[in-house]
């Protein structure tokens, strides 16, 4: 597979942003989550009936296999769908990243991934050299990128302090940084920092899990623009050049969200929304370290129980990936 944009179809209904390497990424997509529920019919509907072309998932969400099936059922050609998935920190490390990437491709039933992200800057507590582990992980992702198995690579939940040291060990600057973003959590300094370095900012939970839909300022802007509060929040992201990946299992909401490109918020309305920042987050990052350590411990226990089988599977997956890397 050769990276580039010529062979990638761009759906006319949706707008795109050009990443620093020239890859075109949709500005609006469909997000998934670990606890947000999964609706197979909703994903198929979003792709086939609403024109969504960006699907965001992760190893942690345990739905890569279902996403692959939904894409196949939708009949939308693979080259039209921009697939993002994320590597969970329990799998960080050079060799383990290559193995887990191959596993994600198998679950998604694809031979390349459009955007591959490191899910969090945290590492297992047992790690004695965090910077080295992150650097080794990124080195593996750079290899996947250079070989054309990923069209773009990036990070998620990285703040300025995380990026400052991380960038010193990169030969490829991350193409994307995905962080929670909505008017009540508007990390302007981080967004500016990323833009200065050519890192596209992508916002998850742009609707703050529906907790902002009844806020008076949002309702007022919606009324002035004859649209819904959800459309206001998504349009705010788009007009701020932030990629938005709202979650929904409702066909009505999926259709509603897809109609934001016919809306244009005024300068005054954008100013109102821009000044709502309260550092309000719907994703609790304080529990992430525990989740990483728990999954890492479970992974170690499983590997001990199935030592021989895991060794053979690991050898097979590395062999398969080596074949891909030498052919591209």
C-alpha atoms as a PDB file:
ATOM      1  CA  UNK A   1       0.000   0.000   0.000  1.00  0.00           C
ATOM      2  CA  UNK A   2       1.363   3.433  -0.905  1.00  0.00           C
ATOM      3  CA  UNK A   3       0.538   6.414   1.234  1.00  0.00           C
ATOM      4  CA  UNK A   4      -0.926   9.521  -0.324  1.00  0.00           C
ATOM      5  CA  UNK A   5      -4.188  11.177  -1.202  1.00  0.00           C
ATOM      6  CA  UNK A   6      -4.692  10.420  -4.897  1.00  0.00           C
ATOM      7  CA  UNK A   7      -6.229   6.983  -4.341  1.00  0.00           C
ATOM      8  CA  UNK A   8      -8.426   8.081  -1.432  1.00  0.00           C
ATOM      9  CA  UNK A   9     -11.985   9.051  -2.280  1.00  0.00           C
ATOM     10  CA  UNK A  10     -13.287  12.238  -0.631  1.00  0.00           C
ATOM     11  CA  UNK A  11     -17.009  12.183   0.157  1.00  0.00           C
ATOM     12  CA  UNK A  12     -18.462  15.424  -1.258  1.00  0.00           C
ATOM     13  CA  UNK A  13     -20.920  15.907   1.614  1.00  0.00           C
ATOM     14  CA  UNK A  14     -18.276  16.241   4.304  1.00  0.00           C
ATOM     15  CA  UNK A  15     -15.479  18.759   4.658  1.00  0.00           C
ATOM     16  CA  UNK A  16     -11.858  17.716   5.074  1.00  0.00           C
ATOM     17  CA  UNK A  17      -8.712  19.064   6.674  1.00  0.00           C
ATOM     18  CA  UNK A  18      -5.260  18.496   5.262  1.00  0.00           C
ATOM     19  CA  UNK A  19      -2.798  17.046   7.758  1.00  0.00           C
ATOM     20  CA  UNK A  20       0.847  18.145   7.754  1.00  0.00           C
ATOM     21  CA  UNK A  21       1.771  15.226   5.466  1.00  0.00           C
ATOM     22  CA  UNK A  22      -0.943  16.060   2.931  1.00  0.00           C
ATOM     23  CA  UNK A  23      -3.400  13.340   4.005  1.00  0.00           C
ATOM     24  CA  UNK A  24      -7.019  14.509   3.926  1.00  0.00           C
ATOM     25  CA  UNK A  25      -8.994  13.763   7.096  1.00  0.00           C
ATOM     26  CA  UNK A  26     -12.740  14.363   7.538  1.00  0.00           C
ATOM     27  CA  UNK A  27     -13.632  17.197   9.908  1.00  0.00           C
ATOM     28  CA  UNK A  28     -16.565  15.252  11.348  1.00  0.00           C
ATOM     29  CA  UNK A  29     -16.642  11.616  12.339  1.00  0.00           C
ATOM     30  CA  UNK A  30     -18.321   9.013  14.491  1.00  0.00           C
ATOM     31  CA  UNK A  31     -16.700   8.344  17.842  1.00  0.00           C
ATOM     32  CA  UNK A  32     -16.784   5.192  19.945  1.00  0.00           C
ATOM     33  CA  UNK A  33     -16.004   4.652  23.614  1.00  0.00           C
ATOM     34  CA  UNK A  34     -15.270   1.965  26.176  1.00  0.00           C
ATOM     35  CA  UNK A  35     -18.588   2.414  27.975  1.00  0.00           C
ATOM     36  CA  UNK A  36     -20.674   4.273  25.415  1.00  0.00           C
ATOM     37  CA  UNK A  37     -22.393   1.225  24.004  1.00  0.00           C
ATOM     38  CA  UNK A  38     -22.094  -0.029  20.452  1.00  0.00           C
ATOM     39  CA  UNK A  39     -24.847  -0.153  17.846  1.00  0.00           C
ATOM     40  CA  UNK A  40     -23.981  -2.068  14.707  1.00  0.00           C
ATOM     41  CA  UNK A  41     -27.000  -0.733  12.815  1.00  0.00           C
ATOM     42  CA  UNK A  42     -26.100   2.851  13.780  1.00  0.00           C
ATOM     43  CA  UNK A  43     -22.579   2.555  12.360  1.00  0.00           C
ATOM     44  CA  UNK A  44     -23.907   1.050   9.127  1.00  0.00           C
ATOM     45  CA  UNK A  45     -26.556   3.794   8.922  1.00  0.00           C
ATOM     46  CA  UNK A  46     -23.979   6.519   9.543  1.00  0.00           C
ATOM     47  CA  UNK A  47     -21.772   5.248   6.731  1.00  0.00           C
ATOM     48  CA  UNK A  48     -24.420   4.309   4.200  1.00  0.00           C
ATOM     49  CA  UNK A  49     -27.177   6.880   4.743  1.00  0.00           C
ATOM     50  CA  UNK A  50     -25.497   9.923   6.338  1.00  0.00           C
ATOM     51  CA  UNK A  51     -22.165   9.989   4.532  1.00  0.00           C
ATOM     52  CA  UNK A  52     -19.878   9.636   7.546  1.00  0.00           C
ATOM     53  CA  UNK A  53     -16.384   8.742   6.440  1.00  0.00           C
ATOM     54  CA  UNK A  54     -14.404   8.949   9.703  1.00  0.00           C
ATOM     55  CA  UNK A  55     -14.760   6.204  12.304  1.00  0.00           C
ATOM     56  CA  UNK A  56     -12.792   6.539  15.540  1.00  0.00           C
ATOM     57  CA  UNK A  57     -12.226   3.493  17.742  1.00  0.00           C
ATOM     58  CA  UNK A  58      -9.517   1.971  19.961  1.00  0.00           C
ATOM     59  CA  UNK A  59      -8.217  -1.347  21.221  1.00  0.00           C
ATOM     60  CA  UNK A  60      -9.611  -0.379  24.624  1.00  0.00           C
ATOM     61  CA  UNK A  61     -13.161  -0.097  23.263  1.00  0.00           C
ATOM     62  CA  UNK A  62     -13.228  -3.772  22.239  1.00  0.00           C
ATOM     63  CA  UNK A  63     -15.238  -3.129  19.083  1.00  0.00           C
ATOM     64  CA  UNK A  64     -12.660  -3.140  16.277  1.00  0.00           C
ATOM     65  CA  UNK A  65     -14.030  -6.435  14.952  1.00  0.00           C
ATOM     66  CA  UNK A  66     -17.577  -5.062  14.902  1.00  0.00           C
ATOM     67  CA  UNK A  67     -16.416  -1.882  13.158  1.00  0.00           C
ATOM     68  CA  UNK A  68     -14.796  -3.970  10.438  1.00  0.00           C
ATOM     69  CA  UNK A  69     -18.028  -5.909   9.949  1.00  0.00           C
ATOM     70  CA  UNK A  70     -20.085  -2.692   9.846  1.00  0.00           C
ATOM     71  CA  UNK A  71     -17.865  -1.164   7.168  1.00  0.00           C
ATOM     72  CA  UNK A  72     -18.201  -4.324   5.097  1.00  0.00           C
ATOM     73  CA  UNK A  73     -21.982  -4.406   5.534  1.00  0.00           C
ATOM     74  CA  UNK A  74     -22.317  -0.718   4.616  1.00  0.00           C
ATOM     75  CA  UNK A  75     -20.875  -1.484   1.144  1.00  0.00           C
ATOM     76  CA  UNK A  76     -18.812   1.714   1.391  1.00  0.00           C
ATOM     77  CA  UNK A  77     -15.424   0.964  -0.222  1.00  0.00           C
ATOM     78  CA  UNK A  78     -12.508   0.743   2.200  1.00  0.00           C
ATOM     79  CA  UNK A  79     -10.660   3.602   0.498  1.00  0.00           C
ATOM     80  CA  UNK A  80     -13.547   5.944   1.324  1.00  0.00           C
ATOM     81  CA  UNK A  81     -13.476   5.278   5.081  1.00  0.00           C
ATOM     82  CA  UNK A  82     -10.931   6.995   7.324  1.00  0.00           C
ATOM     83  CA  UNK A  83     -10.295   4.601  10.212  1.00  0.00           C
ATOM     84  CA  UNK A  84      -8.672   5.732  13.441  1.00  0.00           C
ATOM     85  CA  UNK A  85      -7.697   3.311  16.180  1.00  0.00           C
ATOM     86  CA  UNK A  86      -5.563   3.701  19.289  1.00  0.00           C
ATOM     87  CA  UNK A  87      -2.857   1.686  21.013  1.00  0.00           C
ATOM     88  CA  UNK A  88      -3.542   1.104  24.725  1.00  0.00           C
ATOM     89  CA  UNK A  89      -0.589   1.893  27.076  1.00  0.00           C
ATOM     90  CA  UNK A  90      -0.435  -1.674  28.400  1.00  0.00           C
ATOM     91  CA  UNK A  91       0.853  -2.576  24.907  1.00  0.00           C
ATOM     92  CA  UNK A  92       3.474   0.188  24.698  1.00  0.00           C
ATOM     93  CA  UNK A  93       6.968  -0.832  23.605  1.00  0.00           C
ATOM     94  CA  UNK A  94       8.628  -1.309  20.213  1.00  0.00           C
ATOM     95  CA  UNK A  95       7.863  -4.965  19.527  1.00  0.00           C
ATOM     96  CA  UNK A  96       4.502  -5.013  21.320  1.00  0.00           C
ATOM     97  CA  UNK A  97       3.348  -1.994  19.291  1.00  0.00           C
ATOM     98  CA  UNK A  98       4.085  -3.820  16.048  1.00  0.00           C
ATOM     99  CA  UNK A  99       2.239  -6.898  17.296  1.00  0.00           C
ATOM    100  CA  UNK A 100      -0.781  -4.958  18.516  1.00  0.00           C
ATOM    101  CA  UNK A 101      -0.977  -2.994  15.276  1.00  0.00           C
ATOM    102  CA  UNK A 102      -1.161  -6.248  13.348  1.00  0.00           C
ATOM    103  CA  UNK A 103      -3.875  -7.483  15.714  1.00  0.00           C
ATOM    104  CA  UNK A 104      -5.911  -4.303  15.172  1.00  0.00           C
ATOM    105  CA  UNK A 105      -5.637  -4.710  11.401  1.00  0.00           C
ATOM    106  CA  UNK A 106      -6.852  -8.296  11.681  1.00  0.00           C
ATOM    107  CA  UNK A 107      -9.817  -7.329  13.858  1.00  0.00           C
ATOM    108  CA  UNK A 108     -10.754  -4.446  11.562  1.00  0.00           C
ATOM    109  CA  UNK A 109     -10.191  -6.662   8.491  1.00  0.00           C
ATOM    110  CA  UNK A 110      -7.956  -4.075   6.821  1.00  0.00           C
ATOM    111  CA  UNK A 111      -4.382  -4.019   5.555  1.00  0.00           C
ATOM    112  CA  UNK A 112      -3.664  -0.436   6.598  1.00  0.00           C
ATOM    113  CA  UNK A 113      -4.953   2.062   9.146  1.00  0.00           C
ATOM    114  CA  UNK A 114      -5.533   5.703   8.290  1.00  0.00           C
ATOM    115  CA  UNK A 115      -4.622   7.132  11.691  1.00  0.00           C
ATOM    116  CA  UNK A 116      -2.893   5.230  14.501  1.00  0.00           C
ATOM    117  CA  UNK A 117      -2.742   6.957  17.897  1.00  0.00           C
ATOM    118  CA  UNK A 118      -1.061   6.411  21.248  1.00  0.00           C
ATOM    119  CA  UNK A 119      -4.084   6.498  23.565  1.00  0.00           C
ATOM    120  CA  UNK A 120      -2.532   8.167  26.644  1.00  0.00           C
ATOM    121  CA  UNK A 121       0.877   9.525  27.672  1.00  0.00           C
ATOM    122  CA  UNK A 122       0.733   7.387  30.840  1.00  0.00           C
ATOM    123  CA  UNK A 123       2.610   4.087  31.053  1.00  0.00           C
ATOM    124  CA  UNK A 124       2.266   1.058  33.342  1.00  0.00           C
ATOM    125  CA  UNK A 125       3.476   1.921  36.859  1.00  0.00           C
ATOM    126  CA  UNK A 126       6.044  -0.887  36.617  1.00  0.00           C
ATOM    127  CA  UNK A 127       7.806   1.037  33.837  1.00  0.00           C
ATOM    128  CA  UNK A 128      11.183   2.310  35.083  1.00  0.00           C
ATOM    129  CA  UNK A 129      11.877   4.650  32.159  1.00  0.00           C
ATOM    130  CA  UNK A 130       8.697   6.301  30.892  1.00  0.00           C
ATOM    131  CA  UNK A 131      10.423   8.500  28.323  1.00  0.00           C
ATOM    132  CA  UNK A 132      12.229   5.531  26.783  1.00  0.00           C
ATOM    133  CA  UNK A 133       9.055   3.438  26.615  1.00  0.00           C
ATOM    134  CA  UNK A 134       7.165   6.239  24.875  1.00  0.00           C
ATOM    135  CA  UNK A 135      10.108   6.779  22.500  1.00  0.00           C
ATOM    136  CA  UNK A 136      10.320   3.067  21.655  1.00  0.00           C
ATOM    137  CA  UNK A 137       6.579   2.965  21.009  1.00  0.00           C
ATOM    138  CA  UNK A 138       6.742   5.992  18.739  1.00  0.00           C
ATOM    139  CA  UNK A 139       9.735   4.536  16.884  1.00  0.00           C
ATOM    140  CA  UNK A 140       7.605   1.499  16.016  1.00  0.00           C
ATOM    141  CA  UNK A 141       4.763   3.754  14.885  1.00  0.00           C
ATOM    142  CA  UNK A 142       7.175   5.741  12.725  1.00  0.00           C
ATOM    143  CA  UNK A 143       8.254   2.480  11.089  1.00  0.00           C
ATOM    144  CA  UNK A 144       4.638   1.577  10.357  1.00  0.00           C
ATOM    145  CA  UNK A 145       4.121   5.052   8.907  1.00  0.00           C
ATOM    146  CA  UNK A 146       7.240   5.008   6.741  1.00  0.00           C
ATOM    147  CA  UNK A 147       6.256   1.583   5.376  1.00  0.00           C
ATOM    148  CA  UNK A 148       2.809   2.873   4.414  1.00  0.00           C
ATOM    149  CA  UNK A 149       0.849   0.727   6.851  1.00  0.00           C
ATOM    150  CA  UNK A 150      -0.462   3.886   8.543  1.00  0.00           C
ATOM    151  CA  UNK A 151      -1.368   6.971   6.535  1.00  0.00           C
ATOM    152  CA  UNK A 152      -0.850   9.142   9.617  1.00  0.00           C
ATOM    153  CA  UNK A 153       0.223   8.678  13.242  1.00  0.00           C
ATOM    154  CA  UNK A 154      -0.479  10.694  16.333  1.00  0.00           C
ATOM    155  CA  UNK A 155      -1.218  10.890  20.030  1.00  0.00           C
ATOM    156  CA  UNK A 156      -4.219  11.305  22.294  1.00  0.00           C
ATOM    157  CA  UNK A 157      -4.592  13.078  25.638  1.00  0.00           C
ATOM    158  CA  UNK A 158      -1.117  14.623  25.375  1.00  0.00           C
ATOM    159  CA  UNK A 159      -0.766  18.038  27.025  1.00  0.00           C
ATOM    160  CA  UNK A 160       2.013  20.576  26.510  1.00  0.00           C
ATOM    161  CA  UNK A 161       4.191  19.073  29.243  1.00  0.00           C
ATOM    162  CA  UNK A 162       3.773  15.640  27.648  1.00  0.00           C
ATOM    163  CA  UNK A 163       4.556  16.889  24.155  1.00  0.00           C
ATOM    164  CA  UNK A 164       7.626  18.931  25.051  1.00  0.00           C
ATOM    165  CA  UNK A 165       9.742  15.939  26.027  1.00  0.00           C
ATOM    166  CA  UNK A 166       8.067  13.561  23.597  1.00  0.00           C
ATOM    167  CA  UNK A 167       8.848  15.691  20.531  1.00  0.00           C
ATOM    168  CA  UNK A 168      12.558  15.582  21.349  1.00  0.00           C
ATOM    169  CA  UNK A 169      12.510  11.853  20.568  1.00  0.00           C
ATOM    170  CA  UNK A 170      10.462  12.080  17.354  1.00  0.00           C
ATOM    171  CA  UNK A 171      11.691  12.085  13.791  1.00  0.00           C
ATOM    172  CA  UNK A 172       8.066  12.336  12.639  1.00  0.00           C
ATOM    173  CA  UNK A 173       6.044  14.977  14.449  1.00  0.00           C
ATOM    174  CA  UNK A 174       2.600  13.597  15.390  1.00  0.00           C
ATOM    175  CA  UNK A 175       0.053  14.458  12.742  1.00  0.00           C
ATOM    176  CA  UNK A 176      -2.839  14.596  15.225  1.00  0.00           C
ATOM    177  CA  UNK A 177      -3.433  15.126  18.949  1.00  0.00           C
ATOM    178  CA  UNK A 178      -6.870  14.010  20.161  1.00  0.00           C
ATOM    179  CA  UNK A 179      -8.104  15.576  23.407  1.00  0.00           C
ATOM    180  CA  UNK A 180     -11.490  16.294  25.009  1.00  0.00           C
ATOM    181  CA  UNK A 181     -12.750  19.574  23.560  1.00  0.00           C
ATOM    182  CA  UNK A 182     -15.998  21.560  23.790  1.00  0.00           C
ATOM    183  CA  UNK A 183     -16.877  25.138  24.822  1.00  0.00           C
ATOM    184  CA  UNK A 184     -16.734  24.290  28.534  1.00  0.00           C
ATOM    185  CA  UNK A 185     -13.346  22.590  28.107  1.00  0.00           C
ATOM    186  CA  UNK A 186     -11.486  24.672  25.568  1.00  0.00           C
ATOM    187  CA  UNK A 187      -7.711  24.102  25.936  1.00  0.00           C
ATOM    188  CA  UNK A 188      -6.605  27.128  23.913  1.00  0.00           C
ATOM    189  CA  UNK A 189      -2.932  27.030  24.908  1.00  0.00           C
ATOM    190  CA  UNK A 190      -2.656  23.370  23.926  1.00  0.00           C
ATOM    191  CA  UNK A 191      -4.439  23.971  20.625  1.00  0.00           C
ATOM    192  CA  UNK A 192      -2.106  26.882  19.837  1.00  0.00           C
ATOM    193  CA  UNK A 193       0.944  24.813  20.802  1.00  0.00           C
ATOM    194  CA  UNK A 194      -0.142  22.022  18.463  1.00  0.00           C
ATOM    195  CA  UNK A 195      -0.873  24.358  15.572  1.00  0.00           C
ATOM    196  CA  UNK A 196       2.533  26.004  15.866  1.00  0.00           C
ATOM    197  CA  UNK A 197       4.065  22.571  15.337  1.00  0.00           C
ATOM    198  CA  UNK A 198       1.782  21.393  12.546  1.00  0.00           C
ATOM    199  CA  UNK A 199      -0.199  19.006  14.784  1.00  0.00           C
ATOM    200  CA  UNK A 200      -3.882  18.851  13.877  1.00  0.00           C
ATOM    201  CA  UNK A 201      -6.140  19.116  16.917  1.00  0.00           C
ATOM    202  CA  UNK A 202      -9.024  16.652  17.200  1.00  0.00           C
ATOM    203  CA  UNK A 203     -11.690  16.901  19.897  1.00  0.00           C
ATOM    204  CA  UNK A 204     -13.452  13.942  21.464  1.00  0.00           C
ATOM    205  CA  UNK A 205     -16.646  14.341  23.523  1.00  0.00           C
ATOM    206  CA  UNK A 206     -17.583  17.520  21.592  1.00  0.00           C
ATOM    207  CA  UNK A 207     -21.079  17.291  23.107  1.00  0.00           C
ATOM    208  CA  UNK A 208     -19.669  16.599  26.597  1.00  0.00           C
ATOM    209  CA  UNK A 209     -21.847  13.470  26.777  1.00  0.00           C
ATOM    210  CA  UNK A 210     -24.979  15.600  26.245  1.00  0.00           C
ATOM    211  CA  UNK A 211     -24.401  17.572  29.469  1.00  0.00           C
ATOM    212  CA  UNK A 212     -24.197  20.918  27.654  1.00  0.00           C
ATOM    213  CA  UNK A 213     -27.359  20.650  25.591  1.00  0.00           C
ATOM    214  CA  UNK A 214     -29.454  22.505  28.148  1.00  0.00           C
ATOM    215  CA  UNK A 215     -26.962  25.264  28.966  1.00  0.00           C
ATOM    216  CA  UNK A 216     -28.512  28.725  28.502  1.00  0.00           C
ATOM    217  CA  UNK A 217     -25.743  30.189  26.271  1.00  0.00           C
ATOM    218  CA  UNK A 218     -25.854  27.140  23.994  1.00  0.00           C
ATOM    219  CA  UNK A 219     -29.644  27.245  23.791  1.00  0.00           C
ATOM    220  CA  UNK A 220     -29.562  30.954  22.942  1.00  0.00           C
ATOM    221  CA  UNK A 221     -27.114  30.435  20.084  1.00  0.00           C
ATOM    222  CA  UNK A 222     -29.200  27.504  18.822  1.00  0.00           C
ATOM    223  CA  UNK A 223     -32.333  29.634  18.813  1.00  0.00           C
ATOM    224  CA  UNK A 224     -30.638  32.455  16.894  1.00  0.00           C
ATOM    225  CA  UNK A 225     -29.434  30.002  14.250  1.00  0.00           C
ATOM    226  CA  UNK A 226     -32.577  27.867  14.044  1.00  0.00           C
ATOM    227  CA  UNK A 227     -30.657  24.687  14.824  1.00  0.00           C
ATOM    228  CA  UNK A 228     -30.219  22.259  17.688  1.00  0.00           C
ATOM    229  CA  UNK A 229     -27.823  22.678  20.657  1.00  0.00           C
ATOM    230  CA  UNK A 230     -25.835  19.669  19.451  1.00  0.00           C
ATOM    231  CA  UNK A 231     -25.371  21.273  16.047  1.00  0.00           C
ATOM    232  CA  UNK A 232     -24.177  24.464  17.740  1.00  0.00           C
ATOM    233  CA  UNK A 233     -21.518  22.586  19.697  1.00  0.00           C
ATOM    234  CA  UNK A 234     -20.305  20.649  16.669  1.00  0.00           C
ATOM    235  CA  UNK A 235     -20.292  23.724  14.469  1.00  0.00           C
ATOM    236  CA  UNK A 236     -18.245  25.552  17.103  1.00  0.00           C
ATOM    237  CA  UNK A 237     -15.594  22.820  16.852  1.00  0.00           C
ATOM    238  CA  UNK A 238     -15.556  22.859  13.060  1.00  0.00           C
ATOM    239  CA  UNK A 239     -15.278  26.649  12.829  1.00  0.00           C
ATOM    240  CA  UNK A 240     -12.372  26.503  15.284  1.00  0.00           C
ATOM    241  CA  UNK A 241     -10.629  24.012  12.956  1.00  0.00           C
ATOM    242  CA  UNK A 242     -11.023  21.212  15.493  1.00  0.00           C
ATOM    243  CA  UNK A 243     -12.027  17.804  14.142  1.00  0.00           C
ATOM    244  CA  UNK A 244     -15.121  16.564  15.993  1.00  0.00           C
ATOM    245  CA  UNK A 245     -16.020  12.927  16.678  1.00  0.00           C
ATOM    246  CA  UNK A 246     -19.372  12.845  18.526  1.00  0.00           C
ATOM    247  CA  UNK A 247     -20.777   9.547  19.721  1.00  0.00           C
ATOM    248  CA  UNK A 248     -24.334   8.471  18.984  1.00  0.00           C
ATOM    249  CA  UNK A 249     -26.336   5.294  18.521  1.00  0.00           C
ATOM    250  CA  UNK A 250     -29.455   7.200  17.426  1.00  0.00           C
ATOM    251  CA  UNK A 251     -30.151   7.401  13.714  1.00  0.00           C
ATOM    252  CA  UNK A 252     -31.963  10.697  14.230  1.00  0.00           C
ATOM    253  CA  UNK A 253     -28.964  12.214  16.027  1.00  0.00           C
ATOM    254  CA  UNK A 254     -26.525  10.856  13.464  1.00  0.00           C
ATOM    255  CA  UNK A 255     -28.476  12.535  10.677  1.00  0.00           C
ATOM    256  CA  UNK A 256     -28.809  15.756  12.674  1.00  0.00           C
ATOM    257  CA  UNK A 257     -25.075  15.906  13.385  1.00  0.00           C
ATOM    258  CA  UNK A 258     -24.238  15.344   9.721  1.00  0.00           C
ATOM    259  CA  UNK A 259     -26.147  18.483   8.718  1.00  0.00           C
ATOM    260  CA  UNK A 260     -23.806  20.963  10.421  1.00  0.00           C
ATOM    261  CA  UNK A 261     -22.051  21.953   7.212  1.00  0.00           C
ATOM    262  CA  UNK A 262     -25.097  23.987   6.150  1.00  0.00           C
ATOM    263  CA  UNK A 263     -24.803  26.090   9.333  1.00  0.00           C
ATOM    264  CA  UNK A 264     -22.494  29.062   9.908  1.00  0.00           C
ATOM    265  CA  UNK A 265     -22.208  30.652  13.342  1.00  0.00           C
ATOM    266  CA  UNK A 266     -21.614  34.402  13.456  1.00  0.00           C
ATOM    267  CA  UNK A 267     -18.503  35.995  14.931  1.00  0.00           C
ATOM    268  CA  UNK A 268     -20.563  37.117  17.922  1.00  0.00           C
ATOM    269  CA  UNK A 269     -21.988  33.647  18.522  1.00  0.00           C
ATOM    270  CA  UNK A 270     -18.522  32.112  18.287  1.00  0.00           C
ATOM    271  CA  UNK A 271     -17.265  34.665  20.806  1.00  0.00           C
ATOM    272  CA  UNK A 272     -20.010  33.689  23.246  1.00  0.00           C
ATOM    273  CA  UNK A 273     -19.062  30.016  22.993  1.00  0.00           C
ATOM    274  CA  UNK A 274     -15.331  30.718  23.059  1.00  0.00           C
ATOM    275  CA  UNK A 275     -15.712  32.321  26.483  1.00  0.00           C
ATOM    276  CA  UNK A 276     -17.547  29.480  28.213  1.00  0.00           C
ATOM    277  CA  UNK A 277     -14.440  27.586  29.313  1.00  0.00           C
ATOM    278  CA  UNK A 278     -14.820  26.226  32.856  1.00  0.00           C
ATOM    279  CA  UNK A 279     -12.229  23.433  32.703  1.00  0.00           C
ATOM    280  CA  UNK A 280     -15.193  21.058  32.774  1.00  0.00           C
ATOM    281  CA  UNK A 281     -14.244  17.548  31.689  1.00  0.00           C
ATOM    282  CA  UNK A 282     -16.508  14.545  31.220  1.00  0.00           C
ATOM    283  CA  UNK A 283     -13.642  12.057  30.968  1.00  0.00           C
ATOM    284  CA  UNK A 284     -12.051  11.389  34.343  1.00  0.00           C
ATOM    285  CA  UNK A 285      -8.329  11.092  33.693  1.00  0.00           C
ATOM    286  CA  UNK A 286      -7.591  10.417  37.367  1.00  0.00           C
ATOM    287  CA  UNK A 287      -8.624   6.775  36.919  1.00  0.00           C
ATOM    288  CA  UNK A 288      -6.563   6.099  33.810  1.00  0.00           C
ATOM    289  CA  UNK A 289      -3.388   4.965  35.597  1.00  0.00           C
ATOM    290  CA  UNK A 290      -5.305   2.361  37.562  1.00  0.00           C
ATOM    291  CA  UNK A 291      -7.000   1.109  34.405  1.00  0.00           C
ATOM    292  CA  UNK A 292      -3.649   0.834  32.632  1.00  0.00           C
ATOM    293  CA  UNK A 293      -2.075  -1.054  35.524  1.00  0.00           C
ATOM    294  CA  UNK A 294      -5.051  -3.394  35.830  1.00  0.00           C
ATOM    295  CA  UNK A 295      -5.060  -4.252  32.136  1.00  0.00           C
ATOM    296  CA  UNK A 296      -1.262  -4.648  32.172  1.00  0.00           C
ATOM    297  CA  UNK A 297      -1.474  -7.065  35.116  1.00  0.00           C
ATOM    298  CA  UNK A 298      -4.236  -9.032  33.400  1.00  0.00           C
ATOM    299  CA  UNK A 299      -2.148  -9.159  30.238  1.00  0.00           C
ATOM    300  CA  UNK A 300       0.874 -10.494  32.146  1.00  0.00           C
ATOM    301  CA  UNK A 301      -1.209 -13.126  33.899  1.00  0.00           C
ATOM    302  CA  UNK A 302      -2.676 -14.303  30.609  1.00  0.00           C
ATOM    303  CA  UNK A 303       0.751 -14.491  28.995  1.00  0.00           C
ATOM    304  CA  UNK A 304       2.016 -16.628  31.872  1.00  0.00           C
ATOM    305  CA  UNK A 305      -0.962 -18.965  31.649  1.00  0.00           C
ATOM    306  CA  UNK A 306      -0.597 -19.353  27.896  1.00  0.00           C
ATOM    307  CA  UNK A 307       3.161 -18.951  27.649  1.00  0.00           C
ATOM    308  CA  UNK A 308       3.716 -21.453  24.859  1.00  0.00           C
ATOM    309  CA  UNK A 309       0.675 -20.492  22.827  1.00  0.00           C
ATOM    310  CA  UNK A 310       1.379 -16.767  23.189  1.00  0.00           C
ATOM    311  CA  UNK A 311       4.968 -17.287  22.103  1.00  0.00           C
ATOM    312  CA  UNK A 312       3.854 -19.059  18.941  1.00  0.00           C
ATOM    313  CA  UNK A 313       1.153 -16.459  18.199  1.00  0.00           C
ATOM    314  CA  UNK A 314       3.663 -13.666  18.781  1.00  0.00           C
ATOM    315  CA  UNK A 315       6.131 -15.309  16.401  1.00  0.00           C
ATOM    316  CA  UNK A 316       3.438 -15.702  13.741  1.00  0.00           C
ATOM    317  CA  UNK A 317       2.212 -12.119  14.045  1.00  0.00           C
ATOM    318  CA  UNK A 318       5.745 -10.717  13.890  1.00  0.00           C
ATOM    319  CA  UNK A 319       6.456 -12.910  10.880  1.00  0.00           C
ATOM    320  CA  UNK A 320       3.327 -11.686   9.111  1.00  0.00           C
ATOM    321  CA  UNK A 321       4.176  -8.064   9.853  1.00  0.00           C
ATOM    322  CA  UNK A 322       7.797  -8.537   8.789  1.00  0.00           C
ATOM    323  CA  UNK A 323       6.504  -9.828   5.445  1.00  0.00           C
ATOM    324  CA  UNK A 324       4.403  -6.655   5.040  1.00  0.00           C
ATOM    325  CA  UNK A 325       7.258  -4.372   6.031  1.00  0.00           C
ATOM    326  CA  UNK A 326       9.693  -5.957   3.574  1.00  0.00           C
ATOM    327  CA  UNK A 327       7.191  -5.888   0.707  1.00  0.00           C
ATOM    328  CA  UNK A 328       6.278  -2.182   1.036  1.00  0.00           C
END
